[in-house]
Amino acid sequence: MGIREKMNDNPAITTGVTAAIIVIALVLIVMQFVGSDAPKIPKSAWFSADNGATYVADDINLIPPFQKDGKTYVRAVVFKCGGGAPFVSHLERYTDKAKAQIEKARQETGAGKPPPMALQEAQYTGLEVKKTGAPDSAWVSAREYQKMAEVTNIKCPDGTTNDLEAVLP
C-alpha cells in the first residue's frame, strides 16, 4: 500500500499533517520579518561637557543640559565619514522653560499614552543647537529656522557629505 492510499484511507491524519506544514511555513515566514534585523530602540545617547571636544554615552532619557560629576552636559550629535574617525557635528540642549515642560509632561504621561501636545511643542521650539567648539553665545533657537539649518547641516571634516553616517552609542 502506497502513501497515496494511506492518505485516502486516513483523511483526518492527512488534514492534520497538511495543517502542521502550513503552520510551520507561516512561523518561518513571520520569523524572517521579525528576526534580529528589526531596529532596536536606542537606550543611550552621546553627551559632551567640553563643547564637543569629547563625548560619552549616557541614558537617552536625560534632558540636556544636565549636571553630572560637577559638569554640565549637552547632547552631542556624532557622525563619521566612511572609515574616518567619529566627530561631533553639533550640540543640542533645551531652554530652562522647555526642560521644565518636558519633565512635567513625562511625569503626567503614563505608559502607552501619546505625549501631550505641550511636550511635542517644548521638544521642538525649546531646542537650541550650536556648532562644536563655538562660543556659548552661539546657541541658536529652533525657532530661527535658517540659522538652525546652517548649524545642523552636517558635513564631513573635508567639507563633503560623502559616506556620512550617524554614530550611535
N, C-alpha and C. Protein backbone atom coordinates (compact mmCIF):
# COMPACT_ATOMS: atom_id res chain seq x y z
N MET A 1 0.86 -1.18 0.00
CA MET A 1 0.00 0.00 0.00
C MET A 1 0.90 1.23 0.00
N GLY A 2 0.66 2.16 -0.93
CA GLY A 2 1.48 3.35 -1.06
C GLY A 2 0.99 4.51 -0.19
N ILE A 3 1.71 5.57 -0.22
CA ILE A 3 1.38 6.77 0.57
C ILE A 3 0.03 7.34 0.15
N ARG A 4 -0.23 7.34 -1.16
CA ARG A 4 -1.49 7.91 -1.65
C ARG A 4 -2.69 7.14 -1.07
N GLU A 5 -2.60 5.83 -1.03
CA GLU A 5 -3.71 5.05 -0.50
C GLU A 5 -3.89 5.30 0.99
N LYS A 6 -2.77 5.40 1.74
CA LYS A 6 -2.86 5.66 3.17
C LYS A 6 -3.48 7.03 3.43
N MET A 7 -3.13 8.02 2.60
CA MET A 7 -3.71 9.36 2.76
C MET A 7 -5.21 9.31 2.48
N ASN A 8 -5.61 8.56 1.46
CA ASN A 8 -7.03 8.44 1.13
C ASN A 8 -7.79 7.69 2.22
N ASP A 9 -7.15 6.71 2.86
CA ASP A 9 -7.81 5.93 3.91
C ASP A 9 -7.90 6.68 5.24
N ASN A 10 -7.02 7.69 5.45
CA ASN A 10 -6.98 8.43 6.72
C ASN A 10 -7.05 9.95 6.46
N PRO A 11 -8.22 10.47 6.08
CA PRO A 11 -8.31 11.90 5.76
C PRO A 11 -8.03 12.81 6.97
N ALA A 12 -8.33 12.37 8.17
CA ALA A 12 -8.09 13.20 9.36
C ALA A 12 -6.58 13.41 9.57
N ILE A 13 -5.81 12.36 9.41
CA ILE A 13 -4.35 12.46 9.57
C ILE A 13 -3.78 13.32 8.45
N THR A 14 -4.27 13.15 7.24
CA THR A 14 -3.81 13.95 6.11
C THR A 14 -4.08 15.43 6.37
N THR A 15 -5.26 15.75 6.87
CA THR A 15 -5.60 17.15 7.16
C THR A 15 -4.69 17.69 8.26
N GLY A 16 -4.44 16.91 9.29
CA GLY A 16 -3.57 17.34 10.39
C GLY A 16 -2.15 17.62 9.95
N VAL A 17 -1.61 16.71 9.12
CA VAL A 17 -0.24 16.88 8.61
C VAL A 17 -0.16 18.12 7.71
N THR A 18 -1.16 18.31 6.86
CA THR A 18 -1.19 19.48 5.98
C THR A 18 -1.26 20.77 6.80
N ALA A 19 -2.11 20.80 7.83
CA ALA A 19 -2.22 21.98 8.69
C ALA A 19 -0.91 22.26 9.40
N ALA A 20 -0.24 21.21 9.89
CA ALA A 20 1.05 21.38 10.58
C ALA A 20 2.10 21.98 9.64
N ILE A 21 2.13 21.50 8.40
CA ILE A 21 3.09 22.04 7.42
C ILE A 21 2.81 23.52 7.16
N ILE A 22 1.53 23.88 7.04
CA ILE A 22 1.17 25.28 6.80
C ILE A 22 1.57 26.14 7.99
N VAL A 23 1.32 25.68 9.22
CA VAL A 23 1.69 26.44 10.42
C VAL A 23 3.20 26.63 10.49
N ILE A 24 3.96 25.58 10.23
CA ILE A 24 5.42 25.69 10.25
C ILE A 24 5.90 26.70 9.21
N ALA A 25 5.32 26.66 8.02
CA ALA A 25 5.71 27.62 6.97
C ALA A 25 5.39 29.04 7.39
N LEU A 26 4.21 29.26 7.98
CA LEU A 26 3.85 30.62 8.44
C LEU A 26 4.78 31.11 9.54
N VAL A 27 5.13 30.23 10.47
CA VAL A 27 6.06 30.60 11.54
C VAL A 27 7.41 31.01 10.96
N LEU A 28 7.91 30.26 10.01
CA LEU A 28 9.19 30.59 9.38
C LEU A 28 9.11 31.93 8.64
N ILE A 29 8.01 32.20 7.98
CA ILE A 29 7.84 33.48 7.27
C ILE A 29 7.82 34.64 8.27
N VAL A 30 7.07 34.49 9.34
CA VAL A 30 6.98 35.56 10.36
C VAL A 30 8.34 35.78 11.00
N MET A 31 9.08 34.70 11.28
CA MET A 31 10.40 34.85 11.91
C MET A 31 11.35 35.64 11.03
N GLN A 32 11.22 35.51 9.72
CA GLN A 32 12.10 36.27 8.83
C GLN A 32 11.81 37.75 8.90
N PHE A 33 10.53 38.12 9.06
CA PHE A 33 10.18 39.54 9.12
C PHE A 33 10.47 40.15 10.49
N VAL A 34 10.41 39.36 11.54
CA VAL A 34 10.58 39.88 12.89
C VAL A 34 11.93 39.49 13.46
N GLY A 35 12.78 38.94 12.69
CA GLY A 35 14.07 38.44 13.16
C GLY A 35 14.96 39.48 13.78
N SER A 36 16.20 39.17 13.92
CA SER A 36 17.18 40.02 14.60
C SER A 36 17.50 41.30 13.84
N ASP A 37 17.04 41.41 12.59
CA ASP A 37 17.29 42.62 11.83
C ASP A 37 16.32 43.75 12.19
N ALA A 38 15.38 43.50 13.07
CA ALA A 38 14.43 44.53 13.48
C ALA A 38 15.19 45.66 14.17
N PRO A 39 14.82 46.90 13.91
CA PRO A 39 15.53 48.01 14.53
C PRO A 39 15.38 48.00 16.04
N LYS A 40 16.44 48.34 16.71
CA LYS A 40 16.45 48.39 18.17
C LYS A 40 16.19 49.83 18.63
N ILE A 41 15.46 49.98 19.71
CA ILE A 41 15.20 51.30 20.27
C ILE A 41 16.43 51.69 21.08
N PRO A 42 17.05 52.83 20.75
CA PRO A 42 18.27 53.22 21.48
C PRO A 42 17.98 53.49 22.95
N LYS A 43 18.93 53.11 23.80
CA LYS A 43 18.80 53.35 25.23
C LYS A 43 19.81 54.37 25.73
N SER A 44 20.72 54.76 24.85
CA SER A 44 21.72 55.75 25.24
C SER A 44 21.94 56.74 24.11
N ALA A 45 22.51 57.87 24.49
CA ALA A 45 22.83 58.93 23.52
C ALA A 45 24.19 59.50 23.90
N TRP A 46 24.78 60.28 22.99
CA TRP A 46 26.07 60.91 23.25
C TRP A 46 25.85 62.26 23.94
N PHE A 47 26.73 62.57 24.89
CA PHE A 47 26.69 63.84 25.60
C PHE A 47 28.11 64.37 25.73
N SER A 48 28.23 65.70 25.80
CA SER A 48 29.54 66.33 25.94
C SER A 48 29.49 67.41 27.01
N ALA A 49 30.58 67.52 27.76
CA ALA A 49 30.68 68.57 28.78
C ALA A 49 31.80 69.54 28.44
N ASP A 50 32.44 69.38 27.26
CA ASP A 50 33.58 70.23 26.91
C ASP A 50 33.45 70.78 25.49
N ASN A 51 32.24 71.21 25.16
CA ASN A 51 31.99 71.88 23.88
C ASN A 51 32.24 70.98 22.68
N GLY A 52 32.06 69.66 22.88
CA GLY A 52 32.18 68.72 21.78
C GLY A 52 33.56 68.16 21.55
N ALA A 53 34.55 68.54 22.37
CA ALA A 53 35.90 68.01 22.20
C ALA A 53 35.92 66.51 22.48
N THR A 54 35.15 66.08 23.47
CA THR A 54 34.99 64.67 23.80
C THR A 54 33.51 64.41 24.05
N TYR A 55 33.14 63.13 24.06
CA TYR A 55 31.74 62.79 24.30
C TYR A 55 31.66 61.43 24.99
N VAL A 56 30.58 61.24 25.73
CA VAL A 56 30.36 59.99 26.45
C VAL A 56 28.92 59.55 26.24
N ALA A 57 28.68 58.26 26.34
CA ALA A 57 27.32 57.72 26.24
C ALA A 57 26.67 57.74 27.61
N ASP A 58 25.38 58.08 27.64
CA ASP A 58 24.61 58.07 28.88
C ASP A 58 23.15 57.81 28.53
N ASP A 59 22.31 57.75 29.52
CA ASP A 59 20.89 57.45 29.35
C ASP A 59 20.22 58.42 28.39
N ILE A 60 19.55 57.90 27.37
CA ILE A 60 18.92 58.74 26.35
C ILE A 60 17.79 59.59 26.93
N ASN A 61 17.26 59.20 28.09
CA ASN A 61 16.16 59.95 28.70
C ASN A 61 16.61 61.19 29.46
N LEU A 62 17.90 61.39 29.62
CA LEU A 62 18.39 62.61 30.26
C LEU A 62 18.09 63.81 29.35
N ILE A 63 17.64 64.89 29.96
CA ILE A 63 17.27 66.08 29.20
C ILE A 63 18.38 67.11 29.34
N PRO A 64 19.08 67.39 28.26
CA PRO A 64 20.19 68.35 28.35
C PRO A 64 19.71 69.79 28.36
N PRO A 65 20.36 70.67 29.07
CA PRO A 65 21.59 70.42 29.82
C PRO A 65 21.27 69.80 31.19
N PHE A 66 22.20 68.97 31.66
CA PHE A 66 22.06 68.37 32.99
C PHE A 66 23.43 68.34 33.66
N GLN A 67 23.41 68.27 34.98
CA GLN A 67 24.63 68.26 35.77
C GLN A 67 24.99 66.82 36.14
N LYS A 68 26.26 66.49 36.01
CA LYS A 68 26.75 65.18 36.43
C LYS A 68 28.24 65.32 36.73
N ASP A 69 28.66 64.82 37.87
CA ASP A 69 30.06 64.87 38.27
C ASP A 69 30.60 66.30 38.25
N GLY A 70 29.75 67.26 38.60
CA GLY A 70 30.17 68.66 38.66
C GLY A 70 30.31 69.33 37.30
N LYS A 71 29.85 68.67 36.24
CA LYS A 71 29.95 69.24 34.89
C LYS A 71 28.56 69.37 34.28
N THR A 72 28.42 70.31 33.35
CA THR A 72 27.17 70.48 32.62
C THR A 72 27.29 69.79 31.27
N TYR A 73 26.39 68.85 31.02
CA TYR A 73 26.40 68.07 29.78
C TYR A 73 25.29 68.52 28.85
N VAL A 74 25.57 68.49 27.54
CA VAL A 74 24.59 68.72 26.48
C VAL A 74 24.69 67.54 25.52
N ARG A 75 23.66 67.36 24.70
CA ARG A 75 23.68 66.24 23.75
C ARG A 75 24.69 66.52 22.64
N ALA A 76 25.44 65.51 22.26
CA ALA A 76 26.41 65.61 21.17
C ALA A 76 25.91 64.76 20.00
N VAL A 77 25.86 65.35 18.82
CA VAL A 77 25.42 64.63 17.62
C VAL A 77 26.69 64.18 16.89
N VAL A 78 26.90 62.85 16.85
CA VAL A 78 28.16 62.28 16.39
C VAL A 78 27.97 61.58 15.04
N PHE A 79 28.91 61.84 14.13
CA PHE A 79 28.91 61.24 12.80
C PHE A 79 30.30 60.76 12.46
N LYS A 80 30.40 59.99 11.38
CA LYS A 80 31.70 59.65 10.79
C LYS A 80 31.52 59.60 9.28
N CYS A 81 32.61 59.71 8.58
CA CYS A 81 32.59 59.68 7.12
C CYS A 81 33.43 58.51 6.65
N GLY A 82 32.77 57.55 6.00
CA GLY A 82 33.50 56.37 5.54
C GLY A 82 34.20 55.69 6.70
N GLY A 83 35.46 55.42 6.54
CA GLY A 83 36.24 54.77 7.59
C GLY A 83 36.91 55.76 8.52
N GLY A 84 36.58 57.04 8.40
CA GLY A 84 37.21 58.06 9.22
C GLY A 84 36.81 58.03 10.68
N ALA A 85 37.48 58.84 11.46
CA ALA A 85 37.21 58.93 12.90
C ALA A 85 35.89 59.65 13.15
N PRO A 86 35.15 59.24 14.17
CA PRO A 86 33.92 59.93 14.52
C PRO A 86 34.21 61.38 14.95
N PHE A 87 33.23 62.26 14.70
CA PHE A 87 33.36 63.66 15.10
C PHE A 87 32.00 64.18 15.55
N VAL A 88 32.03 65.18 16.42
CA VAL A 88 30.80 65.81 16.91
C VAL A 88 30.43 66.91 15.93
N SER A 89 29.29 66.76 15.29
CA SER A 89 28.82 67.73 14.31
C SER A 89 28.32 69.00 14.99
N HIS A 90 27.43 68.80 15.97
CA HIS A 90 26.88 69.94 16.69
C HIS A 90 26.35 69.47 18.04
N LEU A 91 25.98 70.41 18.86
CA LEU A 91 25.49 70.14 20.21
C LEU A 91 24.04 70.58 20.33
N GLU A 92 23.30 69.95 21.25
CA GLU A 92 21.90 70.28 21.46
C GLU A 92 21.60 70.41 22.95
N ARG A 93 20.69 71.32 23.26
CA ARG A 93 20.21 71.48 24.63
C ARG A 93 18.81 72.09 24.57
N TYR A 94 18.15 72.13 25.72
CA TYR A 94 16.82 72.75 25.81
C TYR A 94 16.90 73.98 26.70
N THR A 95 16.01 74.92 26.45
CA THR A 95 15.91 76.09 27.33
C THR A 95 15.40 75.60 28.68
N ASP A 96 15.60 76.40 29.72
CA ASP A 96 15.12 76.02 31.05
C ASP A 96 13.61 75.81 31.04
N LYS A 97 12.88 76.68 30.34
CA LYS A 97 11.42 76.58 30.28
C LYS A 97 11.01 75.28 29.58
N ALA A 98 11.62 74.97 28.46
CA ALA A 98 11.29 73.75 27.72
C ALA A 98 11.63 72.51 28.54
N LYS A 99 12.78 72.53 29.20
CA LYS A 99 13.20 71.39 30.01
C LYS A 99 12.18 71.13 31.12
N ALA A 100 11.70 72.18 31.77
CA ALA A 100 10.69 72.03 32.82
C ALA A 100 9.38 71.47 32.24
N GLN A 101 8.99 71.94 31.06
CA GLN A 101 7.77 71.42 30.42
C GLN A 101 7.92 69.95 30.06
N ILE A 102 9.08 69.57 29.55
CA ILE A 102 9.32 68.17 29.18
C ILE A 102 9.27 67.28 30.41
N GLU A 103 9.93 67.71 31.48
CA GLU A 103 9.92 66.93 32.72
C GLU A 103 8.51 66.77 33.27
N LYS A 104 7.74 67.85 33.27
CA LYS A 104 6.36 67.81 33.77
C LYS A 104 5.51 66.88 32.91
N ALA A 105 5.62 66.99 31.60
CA ALA A 105 4.84 66.15 30.70
C ALA A 105 5.20 64.68 30.85
N ARG A 106 6.47 64.39 31.07
CA ARG A 106 6.89 62.99 31.26
C ARG A 106 6.28 62.41 32.54
N GLN A 107 6.17 63.21 33.57
CA GLN A 107 5.57 62.75 34.83
C GLN A 107 4.08 62.49 34.66
N GLU A 108 3.42 63.31 33.85
CA GLU A 108 1.97 63.20 33.67
C GLU A 108 1.57 62.15 32.65
N THR A 109 2.48 61.75 31.78
CA THR A 109 2.18 60.81 30.72
C THR A 109 2.48 59.40 31.20
N GLY A 110 1.48 58.53 31.14
CA GLY A 110 1.67 57.14 31.51
C GLY A 110 2.11 56.31 30.33
N ALA A 111 2.49 55.09 30.62
CA ALA A 111 2.93 54.18 29.56
C ALA A 111 1.78 53.92 28.60
N GLY A 112 2.08 53.94 27.33
CA GLY A 112 1.08 53.67 26.32
C GLY A 112 0.23 54.85 25.93
N LYS A 113 0.40 55.97 26.61
CA LYS A 113 -0.38 57.16 26.27
C LYS A 113 0.43 58.03 25.31
N PRO A 114 -0.23 58.67 24.37
CA PRO A 114 0.52 59.55 23.46
C PRO A 114 1.02 60.78 24.22
N PRO A 115 2.16 61.32 23.81
CA PRO A 115 2.67 62.51 24.50
C PRO A 115 1.75 63.69 24.26
N PRO A 116 1.55 64.51 25.29
CA PRO A 116 0.69 65.69 25.11
C PRO A 116 1.32 66.68 24.13
N MET A 117 0.49 67.50 23.54
CA MET A 117 0.96 68.47 22.55
C MET A 117 2.00 69.42 23.17
N ALA A 118 1.84 69.74 24.45
CA ALA A 118 2.80 70.63 25.12
C ALA A 118 4.20 70.03 25.12
N LEU A 119 4.30 68.71 25.26
CA LEU A 119 5.60 68.05 25.25
C LEU A 119 6.23 68.17 23.86
N GLN A 120 5.45 67.89 22.84
CA GLN A 120 5.97 67.99 21.48
C GLN A 120 6.41 69.41 21.16
N GLU A 121 5.61 70.40 21.58
CA GLU A 121 5.97 71.80 21.32
C GLU A 121 7.26 72.16 22.03
N ALA A 122 7.40 71.75 23.30
CA ALA A 122 8.60 72.07 24.07
C ALA A 122 9.83 71.42 23.45
N GLN A 123 9.68 70.20 22.96
CA GLN A 123 10.82 69.49 22.37
C GLN A 123 11.31 70.17 21.10
N TYR A 124 10.41 70.80 20.36
CA TYR A 124 10.82 71.42 19.10
C TYR A 124 11.14 72.90 19.25
N THR A 125 10.29 73.63 19.91
CA THR A 125 10.52 75.07 19.99
C THR A 125 11.51 75.45 21.09
N GLY A 126 11.72 74.57 22.07
CA GLY A 126 12.66 74.86 23.14
C GLY A 126 14.05 74.34 22.88
N LEU A 127 14.26 73.71 21.75
CA LEU A 127 15.57 73.16 21.40
C LEU A 127 16.51 74.27 20.96
N GLU A 128 17.75 74.16 21.39
CA GLU A 128 18.81 75.07 20.94
C GLU A 128 19.98 74.23 20.43
N VAL A 129 20.65 74.71 19.41
CA VAL A 129 21.79 74.00 18.82
C VAL A 129 22.96 74.95 18.61
N LYS A 130 24.15 74.39 18.55
CA LYS A 130 25.33 75.18 18.17
C LYS A 130 26.40 74.26 17.63
N LYS A 131 27.26 74.81 16.79
CA LYS A 131 28.37 74.05 16.22
C LYS A 131 29.37 73.70 17.32
N THR A 132 30.01 72.58 17.15
CA THR A 132 31.05 72.16 18.08
C THR A 132 32.16 73.21 18.14
N GLY A 133 32.58 73.54 19.34
CA GLY A 133 33.67 74.50 19.52
C GLY A 133 33.25 75.95 19.48
N ALA A 134 32.01 76.25 19.11
CA ALA A 134 31.53 77.65 19.05
C ALA A 134 31.38 78.19 20.47
N PRO A 135 31.49 79.52 20.63
CA PRO A 135 31.34 80.10 21.96
C PRO A 135 29.93 79.90 22.51
N ASP A 136 29.78 80.04 23.82
CA ASP A 136 28.49 79.83 24.47
C ASP A 136 27.41 80.78 23.94
N SER A 137 27.81 81.91 23.42
CA SER A 137 26.85 82.87 22.89
C SER A 137 26.28 82.44 21.54
N ALA A 138 26.78 81.34 20.98
CA ALA A 138 26.39 80.91 19.64
C ALA A 138 25.20 79.95 19.61
N TRP A 139 24.58 79.68 20.75
CA TRP A 139 23.41 78.80 20.74
C TRP A 139 22.31 79.42 19.89
N VAL A 140 21.68 78.62 19.04
CA VAL A 140 20.64 79.07 18.12
C VAL A 140 19.33 78.37 18.48
N SER A 141 18.26 79.13 18.57
CA SER A 141 16.94 78.57 18.86
C SER A 141 16.38 77.85 17.65
N ALA A 142 15.63 76.77 17.90
CA ALA A 142 14.99 76.04 16.81
C ALA A 142 13.98 76.92 16.08
N ARG A 143 13.56 78.00 16.71
CA ARG A 143 12.61 78.92 16.08
C ARG A 143 13.28 79.73 14.97
N GLU A 144 14.60 79.81 15.00
CA GLU A 144 15.35 80.51 13.96
C GLU A 144 15.74 79.47 12.89
N TYR A 145 14.77 79.15 12.04
CA TYR A 145 14.90 78.03 11.11
C TYR A 145 16.14 78.10 10.23
N GLN A 146 16.41 79.27 9.67
CA GLN A 146 17.54 79.40 8.75
C GLN A 146 18.86 79.15 9.47
N LYS A 147 19.02 79.78 10.65
CA LYS A 147 20.27 79.59 11.40
C LYS A 147 20.41 78.16 11.89
N MET A 148 19.28 77.58 12.31
CA MET A 148 19.33 76.19 12.78
C MET A 148 19.73 75.26 11.63
N ALA A 149 19.20 75.51 10.45
CA ALA A 149 19.55 74.69 9.29
C ALA A 149 21.05 74.79 8.99
N GLU A 150 21.62 75.96 9.17
CA GLU A 150 23.06 76.13 8.93
C GLU A 150 23.87 75.33 9.95
N VAL A 151 23.46 75.38 11.23
CA VAL A 151 24.19 74.68 12.28
C VAL A 151 24.08 73.16 12.11
N THR A 152 22.90 72.69 11.75
CA THR A 152 22.68 71.24 11.66
C THR A 152 22.95 70.66 10.28
N ASN A 153 23.47 71.48 9.37
CA ASN A 153 23.89 70.98 8.06
C ASN A 153 25.20 70.22 8.25
N ILE A 154 25.11 68.91 8.28
CA ILE A 154 26.24 68.08 8.66
C ILE A 154 27.12 67.78 7.45
N LYS A 155 28.41 68.05 7.64
CA LYS A 155 29.39 67.78 6.59
C LYS A 155 30.60 67.09 7.20
N CYS A 156 31.27 66.32 6.38
CA CYS A 156 32.50 65.66 6.80
C CYS A 156 33.58 66.71 7.04
N PRO A 157 34.62 66.36 7.78
CA PRO A 157 35.70 67.32 8.02
C PRO A 157 36.31 67.89 6.74
N ASP A 158 36.23 67.15 5.62
CA ASP A 158 36.78 67.67 4.36
C ASP A 158 35.77 68.54 3.61
N GLY A 159 34.58 68.78 4.21
CA GLY A 159 33.58 69.66 3.61
C GLY A 159 32.57 68.96 2.72
N THR A 160 32.74 67.65 2.50
CA THR A 160 31.80 66.90 1.66
C THR A 160 30.74 66.21 2.53
N THR A 161 29.84 65.53 1.88
CA THR A 161 28.87 64.71 2.61
C THR A 161 29.00 63.25 2.19
N ASN A 162 30.14 62.87 1.64
CA ASN A 162 30.38 61.51 1.16
C ASN A 162 30.41 60.52 2.31
N ASP A 163 29.63 59.46 2.21
CA ASP A 163 29.64 58.36 3.20
C ASP A 163 29.37 58.85 4.61
N LEU A 164 28.55 59.87 4.77
CA LEU A 164 28.20 60.41 6.08
C LEU A 164 27.32 59.40 6.80
N GLU A 165 27.68 59.08 8.04
CA GLU A 165 26.94 58.05 8.78
C GLU A 165 26.85 58.44 10.26
N ALA A 166 25.64 58.36 10.82
CA ALA A 166 25.45 58.64 12.24
C ALA A 166 26.15 57.55 13.07
N VAL A 167 26.75 57.97 14.18
CA VAL A 167 27.41 57.04 15.09
C VAL A 167 26.55 56.95 16.35
N LEU A 168 26.05 55.77 16.61
CA LEU A 168 25.20 55.55 17.78
C LEU A 168 26.02 54.90 18.91
N PRO A 169 25.67 55.23 20.15
CA PRO A 169 26.39 54.61 21.27
C PRO A 169 26.14 53.12 21.36
